[in-house]
Amino acid sequence: MPILREFEATVEKTDGCRVLLDVTAFYPRPVGQPSDLGVIRKGETGYQVSCAELAGEEIRHILDREGLSPGDRVRGQIDWERRYRFMPSRTACHILSAVIFWKTGARITGNQIDLFRPAAGPT
């Protein structure tokens, strides 16, 4: 759900800093836009989520350090400001794809949006 900002989950598996939860609201890569960032908390301890990645049908959360174990109850929090910056562009891509299909029958099977990063100028 694109408006879910926080959620509770149970850790299912861990592999070092990679964590699989039973549920998640983190948008993974590589599916058209950069993954969500945010934090996963166990009690008062926070683990920064540097990436969420799609691996088969699983969404793995890449954390800044180890420390979670299977069975741990956690609370995830999306970096909402960052997610919100992508939402209009993602919606525009879907609308443009639908118009192109409607007008020409051509299907767009993939695109990629990202934050604008100006090229470095002469130094």
Protein backbone atom coordinates (compact mmCIF):
# COMPACT_ATOMS: atom_id res chain seq x y z
CA MET A 1 0.00 0.00 0.00
CA PRO A 2 1.69 3.23 -1.13
CA ILE A 3 0.47 5.38 1.81
CA LEU A 4 1.53 3.01 4.60
CA ARG A 5 4.35 4.75 6.48
CA GLU A 6 4.86 2.41 9.44
CA PHE A 7 4.15 -1.26 10.08
CA GLU A 8 4.81 -4.07 12.54
CA ALA A 9 6.42 -7.32 11.42
CA THR A 10 8.23 -10.45 12.52
CA VAL A 11 11.75 -11.28 11.35
CA GLU A 12 11.57 -14.54 9.35
CA LYS A 13 15.20 -14.95 8.23
CA THR A 14 18.51 -13.17 8.55
CA ASP A 15 21.73 -13.46 6.59
CA GLY A 16 24.19 -11.00 8.05
CA CYS A 17 22.75 -7.56 7.37
CA ARG A 18 20.03 -8.95 5.07
CA VAL A 19 16.67 -9.41 6.79
CA LEU A 20 13.43 -10.98 5.54
CA LEU A 21 10.23 -9.89 7.31
CA ASP A 22 6.84 -11.60 7.22
CA VAL A 23 5.30 -8.31 5.95
CA THR A 24 6.80 -5.07 4.69
CA ALA A 25 5.87 -1.67 3.31
CA PHE A 26 9.34 -1.01 1.86
CA TYR A 27 9.30 -0.61 -1.93
CA PRO A 28 12.11 -2.78 -3.34
CA ARG A 29 14.47 -2.34 -6.25
CA PRO A 30 14.66 -3.18 -9.18
CA VAL A 31 11.06 -2.38 -10.06
CA GLY A 32 11.13 1.01 -11.75
CA GLN A 33 12.35 3.30 -9.00
CA PRO A 34 14.92 3.32 -6.21
CA SER A 35 14.01 1.32 -3.14
CA ASP A 36 12.64 2.92 -0.02
CA LEU A 37 14.96 3.88 2.79
CA GLY A 38 14.03 4.06 6.43
CA VAL A 39 14.50 2.32 9.75
CA ILE A 40 13.55 -0.96 11.38
CA ARG A 41 13.32 -0.83 15.17
CA LYS A 42 13.44 -3.56 17.74
CA GLY A 43 12.48 -1.82 20.96
CA GLU A 44 14.65 1.27 21.24
CA THR A 45 17.33 -0.01 18.85
CA GLY A 46 17.12 1.27 15.29
CA TYR A 47 18.63 -0.33 12.18
CA GLN A 48 18.92 1.89 9.10
CA VAL A 49 17.53 0.33 5.93
CA SER A 50 19.94 1.26 3.14
CA CYS A 51 18.05 -0.72 0.49
CA ALA A 52 15.17 -3.12 0.00
CA GLU A 53 15.77 -5.60 -2.81
CA LEU A 54 13.56 -8.05 -4.63
CA ALA A 55 15.04 -11.56 -4.64
CA GLY A 56 12.64 -13.92 -6.37
CA GLU A 57 9.41 -13.34 -4.46
CA GLU A 58 11.12 -12.15 -1.28
CA ILE A 59 11.87 -8.58 -0.28
CA ARG A 60 15.13 -8.42 1.62
CA HIS A 61 15.97 -5.41 3.77
CA ILE A 62 19.64 -4.44 3.77
CA LEU A 63 20.49 -2.99 7.18
CA ASP A 64 23.43 -0.92 8.36
CA ARG A 65 24.46 -3.65 10.81
CA GLU A 66 23.57 -7.07 12.16
CA GLY A 67 21.59 -7.67 15.33
CA LEU A 68 18.14 -9.01 14.44
CA SER A 69 17.17 -12.67 14.78
CA PRO A 70 14.31 -14.80 13.45
CA GLY A 71 11.24 -14.34 15.61
CA ASP A 72 12.06 -10.75 16.64
CA ARG A 73 9.08 -8.39 16.56
CA VAL A 74 10.03 -5.12 14.83
CA ARG A 75 8.50 -1.89 13.64
CA GLY A 76 9.40 -0.56 10.19
CA GLN A 77 9.26 3.09 9.22
CA ILE A 78 9.56 4.36 5.65
CA ASP A 79 11.43 7.59 4.87
CA TRP A 80 8.14 9.16 3.80
CA GLU A 81 9.52 12.42 2.38
CA ARG A 82 11.75 10.47 0.01
CA ARG A 83 8.93 8.09 -1.02
CA TYR A 84 6.57 11.02 -1.60
CA ARG A 85 9.06 12.68 -4.00
CA PHE A 86 8.84 9.62 -6.29
CA MET A 87 5.07 9.16 -6.23
CA PRO A 88 4.09 11.84 -8.81
CA SER A 89 6.76 10.68 -11.28
CA ARG A 90 5.74 7.04 -10.92
CA THR A 91 2.08 7.94 -11.48
CA ALA A 92 3.03 10.04 -14.52
CA CYS A 93 4.97 7.08 -15.99
CA HIS A 94 1.92 4.84 -15.65
CA ILE A 95 -0.37 7.44 -17.24
CA LEU A 96 2.04 8.05 -20.12
CA SER A 97 2.39 4.30 -20.70
CA ALA A 98 -1.40 3.92 -20.81
CA VAL A 99 -1.78 6.79 -23.29
CA ILE A 100 0.94 5.38 -25.56
CA PHE A 101 -0.72 1.96 -25.46
CA TRP A 102 -4.17 3.44 -26.11
CA LYS A 103 -2.93 5.55 -29.05
CA THR A 104 -0.47 3.12 -30.65
CA GLY A 105 -0.91 -0.31 -29.10
CA ALA A 106 2.74 -0.25 -28.04
CA ARG A 107 3.50 -1.64 -24.61
CA ILE A 108 6.11 -0.13 -22.33
CA THR A 109 7.52 -3.05 -20.38
CA GLY A 110 9.95 -1.15 -18.21
CA ASN A 111 11.22 2.23 -17.19
CA GLN A 112 13.39 3.59 -14.44
CA ILE A 113 12.97 6.79 -12.43
CA ASP A 114 15.52 8.17 -9.99
CA LEU A 115 16.43 11.38 -8.20
CA PHE A 116 17.97 14.01 -10.47
CA ARG A 117 21.71 14.31 -9.91
CA PRO A 118 23.33 17.07 -11.95
CA ALA A 119 26.48 16.10 -13.77
CA ALA A 120 29.65 17.43 -12.24
CA GLY A 121 30.86 20.55 -13.99
CA PRO A 122 34.43 21.43 -14.91
CA THR A 123 36.77 21.59 -11.97
